[in-house]
N, C-alpha and C. Protein backbone atom coordinates (compact mmCIF):
# COMPACT_ATOMS: atom_id res chain seq x y z
N MET A 1 0.84 -1.18 0.00
CA MET A 1 0.00 0.00 0.00
C MET A 1 0.89 1.24 0.00
N VAL A 2 0.56 2.20 -0.82
CA VAL A 2 1.33 3.43 -0.93
C VAL A 2 0.82 4.42 0.12
N SER A 3 1.73 5.09 0.76
CA SER A 3 1.34 6.02 1.82
C SER A 3 0.72 7.29 1.24
N TYR A 4 -0.06 7.95 2.05
CA TYR A 4 -0.68 9.22 1.68
C TYR A 4 0.40 10.24 1.35
N PHE A 5 1.49 10.25 2.13
CA PHE A 5 2.58 11.19 1.89
C PHE A 5 3.19 10.99 0.51
N ALA A 6 3.42 9.73 0.14
CA ALA A 6 4.03 9.44 -1.16
C ALA A 6 3.14 9.93 -2.30
N LEU A 7 1.85 9.67 -2.20
CA LEU A 7 0.92 10.12 -3.24
C LEU A 7 0.88 11.65 -3.31
N THR A 8 0.83 12.29 -2.16
CA THR A 8 0.80 13.75 -2.13
C THR A 8 2.06 14.33 -2.77
N PHE A 9 3.22 13.74 -2.47
CA PHE A 9 4.47 14.20 -3.05
C PHE A 9 4.46 14.05 -4.56
N LEU A 10 4.03 12.89 -5.05
CA LEU A 10 4.03 12.65 -6.49
C LEU A 10 3.12 13.63 -7.22
N PHE A 11 1.92 13.84 -6.69
CA PHE A 11 0.98 14.73 -7.37
C PHE A 11 1.39 16.19 -7.25
N SER A 12 1.94 16.60 -6.12
CA SER A 12 2.33 18.00 -5.95
C SER A 12 3.53 18.33 -6.82
N ARG A 13 4.35 17.34 -7.15
CA ARG A 13 5.52 17.55 -8.00
C ARG A 13 5.11 18.13 -9.35
N SER A 14 4.00 17.64 -9.90
CA SER A 14 3.53 18.16 -11.18
C SER A 14 3.13 19.62 -11.08
N PHE A 15 2.45 19.99 -9.98
CA PHE A 15 2.03 21.37 -9.81
C PHE A 15 3.24 22.29 -9.64
N LEU A 16 4.24 21.85 -8.89
CA LEU A 16 5.43 22.67 -8.67
C LEU A 16 6.18 22.87 -9.97
N ALA A 17 6.31 21.81 -10.75
CA ALA A 17 7.01 21.92 -12.03
C ALA A 17 6.30 22.90 -12.94
N GLY A 18 4.96 22.87 -12.93
CA GLY A 18 4.20 23.77 -13.77
C GLY A 18 4.40 25.22 -13.41
N SER A 19 4.65 25.51 -12.16
CA SER A 19 4.83 26.90 -11.76
C SER A 19 6.25 27.38 -12.00
N ILE A 20 7.20 26.46 -12.19
CA ILE A 20 8.60 26.83 -12.38
C ILE A 20 8.97 26.88 -13.85
N VAL A 21 8.57 25.87 -14.61
CA VAL A 21 8.97 25.75 -16.00
C VAL A 21 7.75 25.88 -16.88
N GLY A 22 7.81 26.77 -17.87
CA GLY A 22 6.66 26.98 -18.72
C GLY A 22 6.97 26.75 -20.18
N SER A 23 5.98 26.98 -20.99
CA SER A 23 6.10 26.81 -22.42
C SER A 23 7.22 27.69 -22.95
N GLY A 24 8.07 27.12 -23.82
CA GLY A 24 9.17 27.87 -24.42
C GLY A 24 10.52 27.65 -23.75
N ALA A 25 10.55 27.13 -22.51
CA ALA A 25 11.82 26.86 -21.82
C ALA A 25 12.47 25.62 -22.44
N THR A 26 13.79 25.48 -22.30
CA THR A 26 14.48 24.32 -22.86
C THR A 26 14.19 23.07 -22.04
N CYS A 27 14.27 21.91 -22.71
CA CYS A 27 13.95 20.64 -22.04
C CYS A 27 14.70 19.48 -22.68
N SER A 28 14.59 18.33 -22.06
CA SER A 28 15.15 17.08 -22.56
C SER A 28 14.16 15.97 -22.26
N SER A 29 13.99 15.05 -23.19
CA SER A 29 13.08 13.93 -22.96
C SER A 29 13.84 12.66 -22.59
N SER A 30 15.11 12.78 -22.24
CA SER A 30 15.94 11.61 -21.96
C SER A 30 15.51 10.84 -20.72
N CYS A 31 14.82 11.48 -19.80
CA CYS A 31 14.39 10.80 -18.57
C CYS A 31 12.92 10.42 -18.57
N ASP A 32 12.21 10.62 -19.67
CA ASP A 32 10.80 10.27 -19.74
C ASP A 32 10.63 8.76 -19.58
N HIS A 33 9.64 8.34 -18.79
CA HIS A 33 9.38 6.92 -18.59
C HIS A 33 7.98 6.73 -18.00
N VAL A 34 7.53 5.49 -17.97
CA VAL A 34 6.26 5.14 -17.34
C VAL A 34 6.56 4.56 -15.97
N ASP A 35 5.96 5.13 -14.93
CA ASP A 35 6.16 4.65 -13.57
C ASP A 35 5.59 3.23 -13.47
N PRO A 36 6.40 2.24 -13.05
CA PRO A 36 5.94 0.85 -13.01
C PRO A 36 4.87 0.58 -11.95
N VAL A 37 4.78 1.41 -10.92
CA VAL A 37 3.78 1.20 -9.87
C VAL A 37 2.44 1.84 -10.24
N PHE A 38 2.47 3.12 -10.64
CA PHE A 38 1.23 3.85 -10.92
C PHE A 38 0.84 3.81 -12.39
N LEU A 39 1.73 3.31 -13.27
CA LEU A 39 1.53 3.28 -14.71
C LEU A 39 1.21 4.67 -15.24
N LYS A 40 1.86 5.67 -14.68
CA LYS A 40 1.70 7.07 -15.08
C LYS A 40 2.95 7.51 -15.81
N PHE A 41 2.76 8.26 -16.89
CA PHE A 41 3.88 8.79 -17.65
C PHE A 41 4.59 9.86 -16.82
N ILE A 42 5.90 9.71 -16.62
CA ILE A 42 6.70 10.64 -15.83
C ILE A 42 7.63 11.40 -16.76
N SER A 43 7.63 12.70 -16.64
CA SER A 43 8.44 13.56 -17.49
C SER A 43 8.88 14.77 -16.67
N GLU A 44 9.97 15.42 -17.10
CA GLU A 44 10.38 16.65 -16.43
C GLU A 44 9.47 17.81 -16.84
N CYS A 45 8.62 17.60 -17.83
CA CYS A 45 7.73 18.65 -18.31
C CYS A 45 6.57 18.89 -17.36
N PRO A 46 6.12 20.13 -17.26
CA PRO A 46 4.87 20.38 -16.54
C PRO A 46 3.75 19.59 -17.22
N CYS A 47 2.72 19.25 -16.48
CA CYS A 47 1.67 18.37 -17.01
C CYS A 47 0.91 18.97 -18.19
N MET A 48 1.01 20.25 -18.44
CA MET A 48 0.28 20.87 -19.55
C MET A 48 1.14 21.06 -20.79
N THR A 49 2.39 20.56 -20.76
CA THR A 49 3.30 20.72 -21.90
C THR A 49 3.97 19.39 -22.24
N TYR A 50 4.64 19.36 -23.38
CA TYR A 50 5.49 18.23 -23.75
C TYR A 50 6.81 18.78 -24.26
N CYS A 51 7.84 17.94 -24.27
CA CYS A 51 9.16 18.36 -24.72
C CYS A 51 9.31 18.07 -26.21
N SER A 52 9.58 19.10 -26.97
CA SER A 52 9.76 18.95 -28.42
C SER A 52 11.24 18.69 -28.72
N ALA A 53 11.85 17.76 -28.01
CA ALA A 53 13.28 17.50 -28.13
C ALA A 53 13.71 17.22 -29.57
N ALA A 54 12.88 16.52 -30.32
CA ALA A 54 13.24 16.20 -31.70
C ALA A 54 13.22 17.44 -32.60
N GLN A 55 12.45 18.45 -32.24
CA GLN A 55 12.36 19.67 -33.07
C GLN A 55 13.36 20.72 -32.62
N ASN A 56 13.13 21.30 -31.44
CA ASN A 56 14.03 22.36 -30.98
C ASN A 56 14.32 22.32 -29.49
N GLY A 57 13.87 21.29 -28.78
CA GLY A 57 14.20 21.12 -27.37
C GLY A 57 13.55 22.12 -26.43
N THR A 58 12.33 22.53 -26.73
CA THR A 58 11.61 23.43 -25.83
C THR A 58 10.27 22.83 -25.44
N TYR A 59 9.72 23.33 -24.33
CA TYR A 59 8.39 22.92 -23.91
C TYR A 59 7.35 23.56 -24.82
N LEU A 60 6.38 22.76 -25.25
CA LEU A 60 5.27 23.26 -26.05
C LEU A 60 3.97 22.81 -25.40
N PRO A 61 2.89 23.57 -25.56
CA PRO A 61 1.60 23.14 -25.00
C PRO A 61 1.17 21.81 -25.61
N ARG A 62 0.56 20.95 -24.80
CA ARG A 62 0.08 19.66 -25.30
C ARG A 62 -0.93 19.88 -26.42
N LEU A 63 -0.88 19.02 -27.43
CA LEU A 63 -1.77 19.12 -28.58
C LEU A 63 -2.96 18.19 -28.47
N CYS A 64 -2.90 17.22 -27.56
CA CYS A 64 -4.00 16.28 -27.37
C CYS A 64 -3.92 15.73 -25.95
N ARG A 65 -4.93 14.97 -25.57
CA ARG A 65 -4.93 14.35 -24.24
C ARG A 65 -5.47 12.94 -24.33
N CYS A 66 -5.03 12.10 -23.39
CA CYS A 66 -5.45 10.69 -23.33
C CYS A 66 -6.64 10.51 -22.39
N ASP A 67 -6.72 11.35 -21.38
CA ASP A 67 -7.70 11.17 -20.32
C ASP A 67 -8.87 12.13 -20.47
N GLU A 68 -10.06 11.62 -20.14
CA GLU A 68 -11.24 12.48 -20.18
C GLU A 68 -11.14 13.59 -19.15
N PHE A 69 -10.55 13.27 -17.99
CA PHE A 69 -10.35 14.25 -16.92
C PHE A 69 -8.86 14.31 -16.60
N PRO A 70 -8.07 15.07 -17.38
CA PRO A 70 -6.61 15.09 -17.18
C PRO A 70 -6.21 15.77 -15.88
N PHE A 71 -5.12 15.32 -15.32
CA PHE A 71 -4.58 15.84 -14.06
C PHE A 71 -3.79 17.11 -14.30
N GLY A 72 -3.94 18.08 -13.41
CA GLY A 72 -3.08 19.25 -13.42
C GLY A 72 -3.64 20.51 -14.05
N TYR A 73 -4.79 20.44 -14.69
CA TYR A 73 -5.37 21.63 -15.32
C TYR A 73 -6.34 22.30 -14.36
N SER A 74 -6.24 23.61 -14.23
CA SER A 74 -7.21 24.33 -13.42
C SER A 74 -8.37 24.76 -14.33
N LYS A 75 -9.42 25.29 -13.73
CA LYS A 75 -10.61 25.66 -14.49
C LYS A 75 -10.34 26.75 -15.52
N GLN A 76 -9.29 27.54 -15.33
CA GLN A 76 -9.02 28.65 -16.24
C GLN A 76 -8.40 28.20 -17.57
N TYR A 77 -7.87 26.98 -17.64
CA TYR A 77 -7.21 26.49 -18.85
C TYR A 77 -8.19 25.76 -19.76
N VAL A 78 -8.00 25.92 -21.05
CA VAL A 78 -8.76 25.16 -22.03
C VAL A 78 -8.04 23.84 -22.22
N LEU A 79 -8.75 22.74 -22.08
CA LEU A 79 -8.13 21.42 -22.23
C LEU A 79 -7.78 21.16 -23.68
N PRO A 80 -6.66 20.46 -23.93
CA PRO A 80 -6.37 20.05 -25.30
C PRO A 80 -7.42 19.03 -25.73
N PRO A 81 -7.69 18.91 -27.03
CA PRO A 81 -8.75 17.99 -27.47
C PRO A 81 -8.35 16.53 -27.32
N MET A 82 -9.37 15.68 -27.24
CA MET A 82 -9.15 14.24 -27.30
C MET A 82 -9.06 13.87 -28.78
N CYS A 83 -8.37 12.80 -29.09
CA CYS A 83 -8.18 12.41 -30.48
C CYS A 83 -9.44 11.76 -31.06
N PRO A 84 -9.67 11.95 -32.36
CA PRO A 84 -10.84 11.34 -33.00
C PRO A 84 -10.66 9.83 -33.16
N ALA A 85 -11.73 9.16 -33.53
CA ALA A 85 -11.70 7.71 -33.75
C ALA A 85 -10.63 7.36 -34.79
N GLY A 86 -9.93 6.24 -34.56
CA GLY A 86 -8.89 5.80 -35.48
C GLY A 86 -7.53 6.39 -35.20
N THR A 87 -7.44 7.22 -34.15
CA THR A 87 -6.17 7.82 -33.76
C THR A 87 -6.01 7.70 -32.25
N PHE A 88 -4.81 8.00 -31.76
CA PHE A 88 -4.55 7.99 -30.32
C PHE A 88 -3.61 9.13 -29.98
N CYS A 89 -3.60 9.50 -28.70
CA CYS A 89 -2.71 10.54 -28.21
C CYS A 89 -1.55 9.87 -27.48
N PRO A 90 -0.30 10.08 -27.92
CA PRO A 90 0.83 9.48 -27.21
C PRO A 90 0.94 10.06 -25.80
N HIS A 91 1.64 9.37 -24.92
CA HIS A 91 1.77 9.80 -23.52
C HIS A 91 2.17 11.26 -23.38
N GLU A 92 3.09 11.72 -24.21
CA GLU A 92 3.58 13.08 -24.04
C GLU A 92 2.61 14.13 -24.57
N GLY A 93 1.58 13.73 -25.32
CA GLY A 93 0.59 14.68 -25.81
C GLY A 93 1.06 15.52 -26.98
N SER A 94 1.94 14.95 -27.81
CA SER A 94 2.55 15.71 -28.91
C SER A 94 1.68 15.79 -30.15
N GLY A 95 0.50 15.21 -30.13
CA GLY A 95 -0.41 15.27 -31.27
C GLY A 95 -0.96 13.90 -31.61
N CYS A 96 -2.17 13.87 -32.16
CA CYS A 96 -2.84 12.61 -32.49
C CYS A 96 -2.08 11.87 -33.59
N LEU A 97 -1.99 10.56 -33.43
CA LEU A 97 -1.32 9.69 -34.41
C LEU A 97 -2.29 8.60 -34.83
N PRO A 98 -2.17 8.10 -36.08
CA PRO A 98 -3.06 7.02 -36.51
C PRO A 98 -2.77 5.73 -35.74
N LEU A 99 -3.83 4.94 -35.51
CA LEU A 99 -3.65 3.64 -34.86
C LEU A 99 -2.83 2.74 -35.77
N VAL A 100 -2.06 1.85 -35.18
CA VAL A 100 -1.21 0.92 -35.91
C VAL A 100 -1.59 -0.49 -35.48
N ALA A 101 -1.70 -1.40 -36.44
CA ALA A 101 -2.04 -2.79 -36.12
C ALA A 101 -0.94 -3.42 -35.28
N VAL A 102 -1.33 -4.35 -34.41
CA VAL A 102 -0.37 -5.05 -33.57
C VAL A 102 0.63 -5.78 -34.46
N GLY A 103 1.91 -5.57 -34.20
CA GLY A 103 2.98 -6.21 -34.97
C GLY A 103 3.37 -5.46 -36.23
N ALA A 104 2.65 -4.39 -36.58
CA ALA A 104 2.98 -3.63 -37.79
C ALA A 104 4.22 -2.77 -37.55
N ARG A 105 4.94 -2.49 -38.61
CA ARG A 105 6.12 -1.62 -38.51
C ARG A 105 5.68 -0.17 -38.42
N VAL A 106 6.36 0.56 -37.56
CA VAL A 106 6.09 1.99 -37.42
C VAL A 106 7.27 2.74 -38.00
N SER A 107 6.98 3.67 -38.89
CA SER A 107 8.08 4.42 -39.52
C SER A 107 8.50 5.60 -38.69
């Protein structure tokens, strides 16, 4: 069982990061991973941005979302859209991508 303190720390980390680092700041996606316990995508990015490391290495606002009720957005923010049928939003929220068949090659 995970302690209340541990959960509070994990969730507050996202809020703190959002207040320190914003869109346009430099970033790296080298430490991005999925937490094996909570199955949550972990990134140095604030929860409302993703790292465009492949383009120019800066934080950009998320272009899509995976969750109907995403974590970290206050009422004043407009949520990024959910992806239409036949597409999915990658963990980092970098934009909707077409679904790929299991075992198919991805370019």
